[in-house]
Amino acid sequence: MTSLEPTIGNNFLLTGGITMMRSTNFRLLKAIRERGWLQLDLVGAAKLSSEARLSRIIHNRTVPTKDEVERVCRALEKTPEDLGLNATTNIIAKD
């Protein structure tokens, strides 16, 4: 399990010197809205475990699994890059 230590702002330092950014994924929110959906609609279409899980993904409080990314992309007919769900969007190397 990866440990998290608070750093400046809303970022967290992961073991191994990687910083996880905690900010809202506006690309994913925009794609949901463009379909005229609510977050609950995407939860059902992508077969996510809960609306809370999707909220944690949107607000970068958790990193989605590869399977979750694939299901969300399929439901929204977008690529991971379109939705800001590629790993480099959520995790950056610490200098």
C-alpha atoms as a PDB file:
ATOM      1  CA  MET A   1       0.000   0.000   0.000  1.00  0.00           C
ATOM      2  CA  THR A   2       1.244   3.456  -0.866  1.00  0.00           C
ATOM      3  CA  SER A   3       1.582   5.954   1.959  1.00  0.00           C
ATOM      4  CA  LEU A   4       0.415   9.522   1.540  1.00  0.00           C
ATOM      5  CA  GLU A   5       1.948  12.500   3.279  1.00  0.00           C
ATOM      6  CA  PRO A   6       0.419  15.986   2.978  1.00  0.00           C
ATOM      7  CA  THR A   7       2.583  18.532   1.195  1.00  0.00           C
ATOM      8  CA  ILE A   8       1.881  22.142   0.240  1.00  0.00           C
ATOM      9  CA  GLY A   9      -1.718  22.852  -0.823  1.00  0.00           C
ATOM     10  CA  ASN A  10      -3.891  19.904  -1.808  1.00  0.00           C
ATOM     11  CA  ASN A  11      -1.046  17.717  -3.072  1.00  0.00           C
ATOM     12  CA  PHE A  12       0.138  14.497  -1.489  1.00  0.00           C
ATOM     13  CA  LEU A  13       3.613  13.001  -1.569  1.00  0.00           C
ATOM     14  CA  LEU A  14       3.548   9.310  -2.436  1.00  0.00           C
ATOM     15  CA  THR A  15       6.262   6.917  -1.329  1.00  0.00           C
ATOM     16  CA  GLY A  16       9.119   7.133  -3.825  1.00  0.00           C
ATOM     17  CA  GLY A  17       9.026  10.903  -4.319  1.00  0.00           C
ATOM     18  CA  ILE A  18       5.923  11.178  -6.524  1.00  0.00           C
ATOM     19  CA  THR A  19       3.405  13.960  -5.932  1.00  0.00           C
ATOM     20  CA  MET A  20      -0.287  13.255  -6.490  1.00  0.00           C
ATOM     21  CA  MET A  21      -2.230  16.337  -7.524  1.00  0.00           C
ATOM     22  CA  ARG A  22      -5.625  16.861  -5.880  1.00  0.00           C
ATOM     23  CA  SER A  23      -7.728  19.040  -8.112  1.00  0.00           C
ATOM     24  CA  THR A  24     -10.994  18.719  -9.989  1.00  0.00           C
ATOM     25  CA  ASN A  25     -10.952  16.844 -13.303  1.00  0.00           C
ATOM     26  CA  PHE A  26     -12.903  19.371 -15.369  1.00  0.00           C
ATOM     27  CA  ARG A  27     -12.455  17.343 -18.582  1.00  0.00           C
ATOM     28  CA  LEU A  28     -14.365  14.441 -17.085  1.00  0.00           C
ATOM     29  CA  LEU A  29     -17.060  16.731 -15.672  1.00  0.00           C
ATOM     30  CA  LYS A  30     -17.440  18.453 -19.054  1.00  0.00           C
ATOM     31  CA  ALA A  31     -17.850  15.118 -20.872  1.00  0.00           C
ATOM     32  CA  ILE A  32     -20.565  14.070 -18.408  1.00  0.00           C
ATOM     33  CA  ARG A  33     -22.421  17.362 -18.907  1.00  0.00           C
ATOM     34  CA  GLU A  34     -22.049  17.252 -22.710  1.00  0.00           C
ATOM     35  CA  ARG A  35     -24.050  14.015 -22.729  1.00  0.00           C
ATOM     36  CA  GLY A  36     -26.695  15.668 -20.604  1.00  0.00           C
ATOM     37  CA  TRP A  37     -25.932  13.228 -17.800  1.00  0.00           C
ATOM     38  CA  LEU A  38     -25.670  13.505 -14.065  1.00  0.00           C
ATOM     39  CA  GLN A  39     -22.811  11.777 -12.276  1.00  0.00           C
ATOM     40  CA  LEU A  40     -25.268   9.049 -11.263  1.00  0.00           C
ATOM     41  CA  ASP A  41     -25.951   8.338 -14.957  1.00  0.00           C
ATOM     42  CA  LEU A  42     -22.245   7.681 -15.553  1.00  0.00           C
ATOM     43  CA  VAL A  43     -22.067   5.478 -12.459  1.00  0.00           C
ATOM     44  CA  GLY A  44     -24.742   3.247 -13.980  1.00  0.00           C
ATOM     45  CA  ALA A  45     -23.427   3.323 -17.545  1.00  0.00           C
ATOM     46  CA  ALA A  46     -19.843   2.562 -16.492  1.00  0.00           C
ATOM     47  CA  LYS A  47     -20.900   0.119 -13.757  1.00  0.00           C
ATOM     48  CA  LEU A  48     -18.912   1.967 -11.093  1.00  0.00           C
ATOM     49  CA  SER A  49     -19.358   0.876  -7.477  1.00  0.00           C
ATOM     50  CA  SER A  50     -20.926   4.130  -6.282  1.00  0.00           C
ATOM     51  CA  GLU A  51     -21.464   7.805  -6.936  1.00  0.00           C
ATOM     52  CA  ALA A  52     -18.995   8.474  -4.104  1.00  0.00           C
ATOM     53  CA  ARG A  53     -16.335   6.486  -5.995  1.00  0.00           C
ATOM     54  CA  LEU A  54     -16.914   8.606  -9.125  1.00  0.00           C
ATOM     55  CA  SER A  55     -16.738  11.773  -7.037  1.00  0.00           C
ATOM     56  CA  ARG A  56     -13.363  10.680  -5.608  1.00  0.00           C
ATOM     57  CA  ILE A  57     -12.121  10.060  -9.174  1.00  0.00           C
ATOM     58  CA  ILE A  58     -13.401  13.443 -10.381  1.00  0.00           C
ATOM     59  CA  HIS A  59     -11.740  15.257  -7.482  1.00  0.00           C
ATOM     60  CA  ASN A  60      -8.516  13.207  -7.759  1.00  0.00           C
ATOM     61  CA  ARG A  61      -8.879  11.769  -4.282  1.00  0.00           C
ATOM     62  CA  THR A  62      -8.269   8.323  -5.760  1.00  0.00           C
ATOM     63  CA  VAL A  63      -6.695   6.961  -8.911  1.00  0.00           C
ATOM     64  CA  PRO A  64      -9.163   4.882 -10.946  1.00  0.00           C
ATOM     65  CA  THR A  65      -8.317   1.325 -11.849  1.00  0.00           C
ATOM     66  CA  LYS A  66      -7.517   0.466 -15.451  1.00  0.00           C
ATOM     67  CA  ASP A  67     -10.873  -1.308 -15.678  1.00  0.00           C
ATOM     68  CA  GLU A  68     -12.741   1.749 -14.354  1.00  0.00           C
ATOM     69  CA  VAL A  69     -10.970   3.994 -16.881  1.00  0.00           C
ATOM     70  CA  GLU A  70     -11.921   1.649 -19.733  1.00  0.00           C
ATOM     71  CA  ARG A  71     -15.588   1.510 -18.651  1.00  0.00           C
ATOM     72  CA  VAL A  72     -15.846   5.293 -18.181  1.00  0.00           C
ATOM     73  CA  CYS A  73     -14.232   5.885 -21.582  1.00  0.00           C
ATOM     74  CA  ARG A  74     -16.565   3.410 -23.253  1.00  0.00           C
ATOM     75  CA  ALA A  75     -19.628   4.964 -21.617  1.00  0.00           C
ATOM     76  CA  LEU A  76     -18.631   8.503 -22.624  1.00  0.00           C
ATOM     77  CA  GLU A  77     -17.149   7.455 -26.001  1.00  0.00           C
ATOM     78  CA  LYS A  78     -13.893   9.265 -25.231  1.00  0.00           C
ATOM     79  CA  THR A  79     -10.220   8.388 -24.794  1.00  0.00           C
ATOM     80  CA  PRO A  80      -8.488   8.481 -21.385  1.00  0.00           C
ATOM     81  CA  GLU A  81      -6.600  11.557 -22.567  1.00  0.00           C
ATOM     82  CA  ASP A  82      -9.877  13.277 -23.557  1.00  0.00           C
ATOM     83  CA  LEU A  83     -11.166  12.689 -20.032  1.00  0.00           C
ATOM     84  CA  GLY A  84      -7.967  13.524 -18.155  1.00  0.00           C
ATOM     85  CA  LEU A  85      -7.735   9.935 -16.917  1.00  0.00           C
ATOM     86  CA  ASN A  86      -4.233   9.120 -18.085  1.00  0.00           C
ATOM     87  CA  ALA A  87      -1.734   8.533 -15.278  1.00  0.00           C
ATOM     88  CA  THR A  88       0.390  11.578 -16.042  1.00  0.00           C
ATOM     89  CA  THR A  89      -2.615  13.849 -15.452  1.00  0.00           C
ATOM     90  CA  ASN A  90      -2.995  12.612 -11.873  1.00  0.00           C
ATOM     91  CA  ILE A  91       0.578  11.834 -10.855  1.00  0.00           C
ATOM     92  CA  ILE A  92       3.707  13.829 -11.552  1.00  0.00           C
ATOM     93  CA  ALA A  93       7.320  13.149 -10.637  1.00  0.00           C
ATOM     94  CA  LYS A  94       8.767  15.247  -7.838  1.00  0.00           C
ATOM     95  CA  ASP A  95      11.861  17.269  -8.795  1.00  0.00           C
END
